[in-house]
Amino acid sequence: MEILDTTMVRVRWSAADGDSGAGLKSVSLYGRAGRKPFQLMVAELTGDSLTLALPWGHQCQFYARATDYSGNVEGAKQTAEGTVLFGTLGVDTVRTAPLQFALYPVAPNPFRSETQLRFELPVATEVSLEVFDVMGRRVAAPLRPKWLMAGPHSLAFRPDWLESGIYFARLKAGSFERTVKIVLMSRSMMRALFVTGWRGTASWEEPSSAKS
C-alpha cells in the first residue's frame, strides 16, 4: 500500500489466473478500521489499485477476492493482506460505526472565514459534498466523489471567494442525501450580530437544485 498523505492511501493488488483457466474478471476489496469486522468496500474492480480516504487514528486492514469469467469467486478470508496505520492509536479512537448515515449542522454557523462540515457513514461508500446558493447554483464542491471508510468524517470549508449570504451544503453517500443550511457573513456583519445578538427568525426555502 502507498500512503499519499495523512488521510489518503492507495491500495494495490495483483492476481493470477486460477486452475480454471477462465481468466480474471474482477476483484472485490474488503476492509476494516480498528477492531470492526471486514466489510465489502468496492465490488467488481477491474484495475489494480484504489485510492481511499481513511479515518485518522486507526489501523486499517484490507484483503481482495477475485472473480473469474466463469463466475468462480475466491473464498472468504479471515486475515488481512495489507495493513496501514494512520496517527496514534488510543482507547478514544476505537469507535463503533454509526447505525445510520448523518450530516450534522455546520459549526460555527454563522461563520466568517471557515466552518466544519461533519458527517458519519455506517458503511464504506462513495461520498460527495456540494454547496449551492439560494438560486440553486452549485458554488463549491468541498468533497468530490470519493470512497470513504465507515465512521466519522470532518472537513474544513473556507469559501473565501463567496459573498455573504445563505448557502446549502448537500451530502450524497450512496442513496443517502441530506442538506444543511450554512450562513456566511462578512466581518462587519458578524460584528453587528455580536452587538445586537443573533435573532434567527427568518425561514428559508431550500433551493430546488439542492433538493434534487
C-alpha atoms as a PDB file:
ATOM      1  CA  MET A   1       0.000   0.000   0.000  1.00  0.00           C
ATOM      2  CA  GLU A   2       1.104   3.557  -0.738  1.00  0.00           C
ATOM      3  CA  ILE A   3       0.365   6.351   1.767  1.00  0.00           C
ATOM      4  CA  LEU A   4      -0.417   9.545  -0.180  1.00  0.00           C
ATOM      5  CA  ASP A   5      -0.920  11.948   2.753  1.00  0.00           C
ATOM      6  CA  THR A   6      -2.258  11.928   6.321  1.00  0.00           C
ATOM      7  CA  THR A   7      -5.655  10.533   5.281  1.00  0.00           C
ATOM      8  CA  MET A   8      -5.223   9.009   1.820  1.00  0.00           C
ATOM      9  CA  VAL A   9      -3.820   5.615   0.878  1.00  0.00           C
ATOM     10  CA  ARG A  10      -3.605   3.771  -2.439  1.00  0.00           C
ATOM     11  CA  VAL A  11      -4.347   0.059  -2.118  1.00  0.00           C
ATOM     12  CA  ARG A  12      -2.795  -2.118  -4.823  1.00  0.00           C
ATOM     13  CA  TRP A  13      -3.328  -5.780  -5.582  1.00  0.00           C
ATOM     14  CA  SER A  14      -2.205  -8.393  -8.090  1.00  0.00           C
ATOM     15  CA  ALA A  15      -3.893 -11.584  -9.217  1.00  0.00           C
ATOM     16  CA  ALA A  16      -3.046 -14.580 -11.365  1.00  0.00           C
ATOM     17  CA  ASP A  17      -5.335 -16.892 -13.323  1.00  0.00           C
ATOM     18  CA  GLY A  18      -6.530 -19.849 -11.215  1.00  0.00           C
ATOM     19  CA  ASP A  19      -6.833 -23.530 -12.037  1.00  0.00           C
ATOM     20  CA  SER A  20      -9.998 -22.988 -14.062  1.00  0.00           C
ATOM     21  CA  GLY A  21      -8.117 -21.006 -16.693  1.00  0.00           C
ATOM     22  CA  ALA A  22     -11.203 -18.801 -17.143  1.00  0.00           C
ATOM     23  CA  GLY A  23      -9.258 -15.575 -16.697  1.00  0.00           C
ATOM     24  CA  LEU A  24      -9.551 -12.854 -14.070  1.00  0.00           C
ATOM     25  CA  LYS A  25     -12.731 -10.781 -14.455  1.00  0.00           C
ATOM     26  CA  SER A  26     -12.723  -8.508 -11.405  1.00  0.00           C
ATOM     27  CA  VAL A  27     -11.608  -8.006  -7.816  1.00  0.00           C
ATOM     28  CA  SER A  28     -13.696  -7.080  -4.765  1.00  0.00           C
ATOM     29  CA  LEU A  29     -11.948  -5.144  -1.991  1.00  0.00           C
ATOM     30  CA  TYR A  30     -12.779  -5.703   1.686  1.00  0.00           C
ATOM     31  CA  GLY A  31     -11.558  -3.516   4.530  1.00  0.00           C
ATOM     32  CA  ARG A  32     -11.953  -2.585   8.168  1.00  0.00           C
ATOM     33  CA  ALA A  33     -10.852   0.162  10.555  1.00  0.00           C
ATOM     34  CA  GLY A  34      -9.751  -0.765  14.071  1.00  0.00           C
ATOM     35  CA  ARG A  35     -11.489  -3.803  15.517  1.00  0.00           C
ATOM     36  CA  LYS A  36     -14.606  -3.764  13.376  1.00  0.00           C
ATOM     37  CA  PRO A  37     -15.405  -6.747  11.107  1.00  0.00           C
ATOM     38  CA  PHE A  38     -14.268  -6.720   7.485  1.00  0.00           C
ATOM     39  CA  GLN A  39     -16.869  -5.301   5.109  1.00  0.00           C
ATOM     40  CA  LEU A  40     -17.168  -5.087   1.358  1.00  0.00           C
ATOM     41  CA  MET A  41     -15.847  -1.702   0.226  1.00  0.00           C
ATOM     42  CA  VAL A  42     -15.953  -1.912  -3.572  1.00  0.00           C
ATOM     43  CA  ALA A  43     -17.123  -4.767  -5.801  1.00  0.00           C
ATOM     44  CA  GLU A  44     -16.102  -5.713  -9.336  1.00  0.00           C
ATOM     45  CA  LEU A  45     -12.978  -3.611  -9.655  1.00  0.00           C
ATOM     46  CA  THR A  46     -11.167  -4.129 -12.943  1.00  0.00           C
ATOM     47  CA  GLY A  47      -7.986  -2.147 -12.285  1.00  0.00           C
ATOM     48  CA  ASP A  48      -5.084  -2.910  -9.976  1.00  0.00           C
ATOM     49  CA  SER A  49      -5.464  -0.145  -7.363  1.00  0.00           C
ATOM     50  CA  LEU A  50      -7.926   2.067  -5.499  1.00  0.00           C
ATOM     51  CA  THR A  51      -7.358   5.337  -3.624  1.00  0.00           C
ATOM     52  CA  LEU A  52      -9.204   5.632  -0.301  1.00  0.00           C
ATOM     53  CA  ALA A  53      -9.685   8.277   2.390  1.00  0.00           C
ATOM     54  CA  LEU A  54      -9.156   6.677   5.816  1.00  0.00           C
ATOM     55  CA  PRO A  55     -10.065   7.817   9.359  1.00  0.00           C
ATOM     56  CA  TRP A  56      -7.235   9.272  11.450  1.00  0.00           C
ATOM     57  CA  GLY A  57      -6.085   7.312  14.480  1.00  0.00           C
ATOM     58  CA  HIS A  58      -6.962   3.852  13.175  1.00  0.00           C
ATOM     59  CA  GLN A  59      -5.235   0.744  11.940  1.00  0.00           C
ATOM     60  CA  CYS A  60      -6.889  -0.137   8.625  1.00  0.00           C
ATOM     61  CA  GLN A  61      -6.672  -3.569   7.023  1.00  0.00           C
ATOM     62  CA  PHE A  62      -7.620  -4.906   3.599  1.00  0.00           C
ATOM     63  CA  TYR A  63      -7.896  -8.043   1.519  1.00  0.00           C
ATOM     64  CA  ALA A  64      -9.084  -8.759  -2.034  1.00  0.00           C
ATOM     65  CA  ARG A  65     -11.245 -11.545  -3.516  1.00  0.00           C
ATOM     66  CA  ALA A  66     -11.041 -12.381  -7.210  1.00  0.00           C
ATOM     67  CA  THR A  67     -13.816 -13.461  -9.605  1.00  0.00           C
ATOM     68  CA  ASP A  68     -13.124 -15.189 -12.938  1.00  0.00           C
ATOM     69  CA  TYR A  69     -15.147 -15.132 -16.163  1.00  0.00           C
ATOM     70  CA  SER A  70     -16.840 -18.431 -15.243  1.00  0.00           C
ATOM     71  CA  GLY A  71     -18.300 -16.826 -12.125  1.00  0.00           C
ATOM     72  CA  ASN A  72     -15.980 -18.564  -9.672  1.00  0.00           C
ATOM     73  CA  VAL A  73     -15.307 -16.389  -6.603  1.00  0.00           C
ATOM     74  CA  GLU A  74     -12.252 -16.695  -4.413  1.00  0.00           C
ATOM     75  CA  GLY A  75     -13.069 -17.970  -0.928  1.00  0.00           C
ATOM     76  CA  ALA A  76     -13.618 -15.721   2.066  1.00  0.00           C
ATOM     77  CA  LYS A  77     -10.531 -14.708   4.047  1.00  0.00           C
ATOM     78  CA  GLN A  78     -10.021 -14.343   7.777  1.00  0.00           C
ATOM     79  CA  THR A  79      -6.802 -12.309   7.791  1.00  0.00           C
ATOM     80  CA  ALA A  80      -5.694  -9.083   6.147  1.00  0.00           C
ATOM     81  CA  GLU A  81      -3.390  -8.978   3.140  1.00  0.00           C
ATOM     82  CA  GLY A  82      -2.398  -5.379   3.816  1.00  0.00           C
ATOM     83  CA  THR A  83      -2.315  -3.098   6.871  1.00  0.00           C
ATOM     84  CA  VAL A  84      -1.748   0.641   7.296  1.00  0.00           C
ATOM     85  CA  LEU A  85      -1.721   2.837  10.426  1.00  0.00           C
ATOM     86  CA  PHE A  86      -2.822   6.493  10.440  1.00  0.00           C
ATOM     87  CA  GLY A  87      -1.947   8.512  13.536  1.00  0.00           C
ATOM     88  CA  THR A  88      -1.528   7.305  17.104  1.00  0.00           C
ATOM     89  CA  LEU A  89      -3.903   4.621  18.302  1.00  0.00           C
ATOM     90  CA  GLY A  90      -5.680   5.190  21.596  1.00  0.00           C
ATOM     91  CA  VAL A  91      -8.699   3.984  23.501  1.00  0.00           C
ATOM     92  CA  ASP A  92     -10.681   7.055  22.476  1.00  0.00           C
ATOM     93  CA  THR A  93     -10.170   6.267  18.779  1.00  0.00           C
ATOM     94  CA  VAL A  94     -11.781   2.818  18.956  1.00  0.00           C
ATOM     95  CA  ARG A  95     -15.369   3.542  17.958  1.00  0.00           C
ATOM     96  CA  THR A  96     -18.328   1.573  16.692  1.00  0.00           C
ATOM     97  CA  ALA A  97     -19.591   2.754  13.313  1.00  0.00           C
ATOM     98  CA  PRO A  98     -22.849   4.743  13.490  1.00  0.00           C
ATOM     99  CA  LEU A  99     -26.108   2.927  12.813  1.00  0.00           C
ATOM    100  CA  GLN A 100     -27.202   5.344  10.095  1.00  0.00           C
ATOM    101  CA  PHE A 101     -25.952   7.990   7.713  1.00  0.00           C
ATOM    102  CA  ALA A 102     -25.789  11.501   9.185  1.00  0.00           C
ATOM    103  CA  LEU A 103     -24.900  15.037   8.100  1.00  0.00           C
ATOM    104  CA  TYR A 104     -24.590  17.364  11.084  1.00  0.00           C
ATOM    105  CA  PRO A 105     -25.222  21.131  11.241  1.00  0.00           C
ATOM    106  CA  VAL A 106     -22.056  23.030  10.387  1.00  0.00           C
ATOM    107  CA  ALA A 107     -20.142  24.698  13.201  1.00  0.00           C
ATOM    108  CA  PRO A 108     -19.660  27.563  13.615  1.00  0.00           C
ATOM    109  CA  ASN A 109     -22.775  28.845  11.903  1.00  0.00           C
ATOM    110  CA  PRO A 110     -22.986  31.721  11.021  1.00  0.00           C
ATOM    111  CA  PHE A 111     -19.281  31.917  10.156  1.00  0.00           C
ATOM    112  CA  ARG A 112     -16.922  34.426   8.560  1.00  0.00           C
ATOM    113  CA  SER A 113     -13.942  32.557   7.094  1.00  0.00           C
ATOM    114  CA  GLU A 114     -14.112  28.847   7.946  1.00  0.00           C
ATOM    115  CA  THR A 115     -16.569  26.251   9.206  1.00  0.00           C
ATOM    116  CA  GLN A 116     -16.538  22.474   9.661  1.00  0.00           C
ATOM    117  CA  LEU A 117     -18.643  20.057   7.632  1.00  0.00           C
ATOM    118  CA  ARG A 118     -19.185  16.886   9.689  1.00  0.00           C
ATOM    119  CA  PHE A 119     -20.853  13.627   8.696  1.00  0.00           C
ATOM    120  CA  GLU A 120     -20.873   9.924   9.563  1.00  0.00           C
ATOM    121  CA  LEU A 121     -21.078   6.759   7.482  1.00  0.00           C
ATOM    122  CA  PRO A 122     -22.218   3.327   8.672  1.00  0.00           C
ATOM    123  CA  VAL A 123     -20.505   1.613   5.726  1.00  0.00           C
ATOM    124  CA  ALA A 124     -17.763   2.401   3.244  1.00  0.00           C
ATOM    125  CA  THR A 125     -19.262   4.151   0.231  1.00  0.00           C
ATOM    126  CA  GLU A 126     -18.701   6.843  -2.390  1.00  0.00           C
ATOM    127  CA  VAL A 127     -19.346  10.291  -0.924  1.00  0.00           C
ATOM    128  CA  SER A 128     -19.610  13.822  -2.295  1.00  0.00           C
ATOM    129  CA  LEU A 129     -20.295  17.236  -0.718  1.00  0.00           C
ATOM    130  CA  GLU A 130     -21.518  20.206  -2.748  1.00  0.00           C
ATOM    131  CA  VAL A 131     -22.569  23.736  -1.800  1.00  0.00           C
ATOM    132  CA  PHE A 132     -25.387  25.666  -3.513  1.00  0.00           C
ATOM    133  CA  ASP A 133     -26.577  29.252  -3.306  1.00  0.00           C
ATOM    134  CA  VAL A 134     -30.237  30.258  -2.785  1.00  0.00           C
ATOM    135  CA  MET A 135     -30.775  30.176  -6.580  1.00  0.00           C
ATOM    136  CA  GLY A 136     -29.794  26.513  -6.687  1.00  0.00           C
ATOM    137  CA  ARG A 137     -26.453  27.132  -8.410  1.00  0.00           C
ATOM    138  CA  ARG A 138     -23.527  24.992  -7.315  1.00  0.00           C
ATOM    139  CA  VAL A 139     -20.824  27.302  -5.989  1.00  0.00           C
ATOM    140  CA  ALA A 140     -18.394  24.856  -4.381  1.00  0.00           C
ATOM    141  CA  ALA A 141     -17.532  21.158  -4.161  1.00  0.00           C
ATOM    142  CA  PRO A 142     -15.639  20.656  -0.861  1.00  0.00           C
ATOM    143  CA  LEU A 143     -15.578  16.897  -1.456  1.00  0.00           C
ATOM    144  CA  ARG A 144     -15.674  15.462  -4.956  1.00  0.00           C
ATOM    145  CA  PRO A 145     -16.880  11.842  -5.314  1.00  0.00           C
ATOM    146  CA  LYS A 146     -14.520   9.668  -3.289  1.00  0.00           C
ATOM    147  CA  TRP A 147     -14.658   6.339  -1.453  1.00  0.00           C
ATOM    148  CA  LEU A 148     -14.565   6.801   2.326  1.00  0.00           C
ATOM    149  CA  MET A 149     -14.389   4.297   5.164  1.00  0.00           C
ATOM    150  CA  ALA A 150     -17.211   3.915   7.700  1.00  0.00           C
ATOM    151  CA  GLY A 151     -17.030   6.246  10.700  1.00  0.00           C
ATOM    152  CA  PRO A 152     -16.977   9.975  11.491  1.00  0.00           C
ATOM    153  CA  HIS A 153     -15.548  12.461   8.996  1.00  0.00           C
ATOM    154  CA  SER A 154     -14.906  16.204   9.102  1.00  0.00           C
ATOM    155  CA  LEU A 155     -13.516  18.710   6.624  1.00  0.00           C
ATOM    156  CA  ALA A 156     -12.862  22.442   6.732  1.00  0.00           C
ATOM    157  CA  PHE A 157     -14.818  24.682   4.353  1.00  0.00           C
ATOM    158  CA  ARG A 158     -13.113  28.011   3.555  1.00  0.00           C
ATOM    159  CA  PRO A 159     -15.204  29.825   0.910  1.00  0.00           C
ATOM    160  CA  ASP A 160     -13.085  32.970   0.656  1.00  0.00           C
ATOM    161  CA  TRP A 161     -14.345  33.614  -2.894  1.00  0.00           C
ATOM    162  CA  LEU A 162     -18.043  33.695  -1.921  1.00  0.00           C
ATOM    163  CA  GLU A 163     -20.106  36.701  -0.879  1.00  0.00           C
ATOM    164  CA  SER A 164     -22.011  36.849   2.399  1.00  0.00           C
ATOM    165  CA  GLY A 165     -25.331  35.055   2.264  1.00  0.00           C
ATOM    166  CA  ILE A 166     -27.295  31.847   2.733  1.00  0.00           C
ATOM    167  CA  TYR A 167     -25.929  28.625   1.238  1.00  0.00           C
ATOM    168  CA  PHE A 168     -26.817  24.949   1.370  1.00  0.00           C
ATOM    169  CA  ALA A 169     -24.381  22.046   1.776  1.00  0.00           C
ATOM    170  CA  ARG A 170     -25.586  18.752   0.297  1.00  0.00           C
ATOM    171  CA  LEU A 171     -24.108  15.370   1.167  1.00  0.00           C
ATOM    172  CA  LYS A 172     -24.548  12.378  -1.142  1.00  0.00           C
ATOM    173  CA  ALA A 173     -23.447   8.975   0.156  1.00  0.00           C
ATOM    174  CA  GLY A 174     -24.731   6.075  -1.890  1.00  0.00           C
ATOM    175  CA  SER A 175     -28.521   6.507  -1.978  1.00  0.00           C
ATOM    176  CA  PHE A 176     -28.454   8.801   1.075  1.00  0.00           C
ATOM    177  CA  GLU A 177     -28.849  12.568   0.601  1.00  0.00           C
ATOM    178  CA  ARG A 178     -29.048  15.310   3.203  1.00  0.00           C
ATOM    179  CA  THR A 179     -28.832  19.119   3.044  1.00  0.00           C
ATOM    180  CA  VAL A 180     -27.993  21.644   5.769  1.00  0.00           C
ATOM    181  CA  LYS A 181     -28.139  25.462   5.708  1.00  0.00           C
ATOM    182  CA  ILE A 182     -24.969  27.494   6.210  1.00  0.00           C
ATOM    183  CA  VAL A 183     -24.685  31.250   6.712  1.00  0.00           C
ATOM    184  CA  LEU A 184     -21.588  33.092   5.521  1.00  0.00           C
ATOM    185  CA  MET A 185     -21.099  36.600   6.888  1.00  0.00           C
ATOM    186  CA  SER A 186     -18.625  39.415   6.443  1.00  0.00           C
ATOM    187  CA  ARG A 187     -16.583  40.777   9.348  1.00  0.00           C
ATOM    188  CA  SER A 188     -18.840  43.837   9.644  1.00  0.00           C
ATOM    189  CA  MET A 189     -21.997  41.713   9.707  1.00  0.00           C
ATOM    190  CA  MET A 190     -20.526  39.415  12.351  1.00  0.00           C
ATOM    191  CA  ARG A 191     -19.610  42.435  14.464  1.00  0.00           C
ATOM    192  CA  ALA A 192     -23.163  43.775  14.159  1.00  0.00           C
ATOM    193  CA  LEU A 193     -24.614  40.428  15.222  1.00  0.00           C
ATOM    194  CA  PHE A 194     -22.258  40.298  18.178  1.00  0.00           C
ATOM    195  CA  VAL A 195     -23.522  43.690  19.324  1.00  0.00           C
ATOM    196  CA  THR A 196     -27.247  43.190  18.663  1.00  0.00           C
ATOM    197  CA  GLY A 197     -27.489  39.429  19.255  1.00  0.00           C
ATOM    198  CA  TRP A 198     -28.355  36.745  16.720  1.00  0.00           C
ATOM    199  CA  ARG A 199     -32.080  36.509  16.027  1.00  0.00           C
ATOM    200  CA  GLY A 200     -32.693  33.562  13.716  1.00  0.00           C
ATOM    201  CA  THR A 201     -36.322  34.390  12.918  1.00  0.00           C
ATOM    202  CA  ALA A 202     -36.269  34.215   9.131  1.00  0.00           C
ATOM    203  CA  SER A 203     -37.236  30.974   7.372  1.00  0.00           C
ATOM    204  CA  TRP A 204     -35.503  29.907   4.174  1.00  0.00           C
ATOM    205  CA  GLU A 205     -36.636  27.567   1.423  1.00  0.00           C
ATOM    206  CA  GLU A 206     -34.068  25.021   0.238  1.00  0.00           C
ATOM    207  CA  PRO A 207     -33.207  25.643  -3.455  1.00  0.00           C
ATOM    208  CA  SER A 208     -34.601  23.104  -5.925  1.00  0.00           C
ATOM    209  CA  SER A 209     -31.140  22.092  -7.184  1.00  0.00           C
ATOM    210  CA  ALA A 210     -30.044  21.203  -3.666  1.00  0.00           C
ATOM    211  CA  LYS A 211     -33.182  19.097  -3.158  1.00  0.00           C
ATOM    212  CA  SER A 212     -32.690  17.014  -6.300  1.00  0.00           C
END
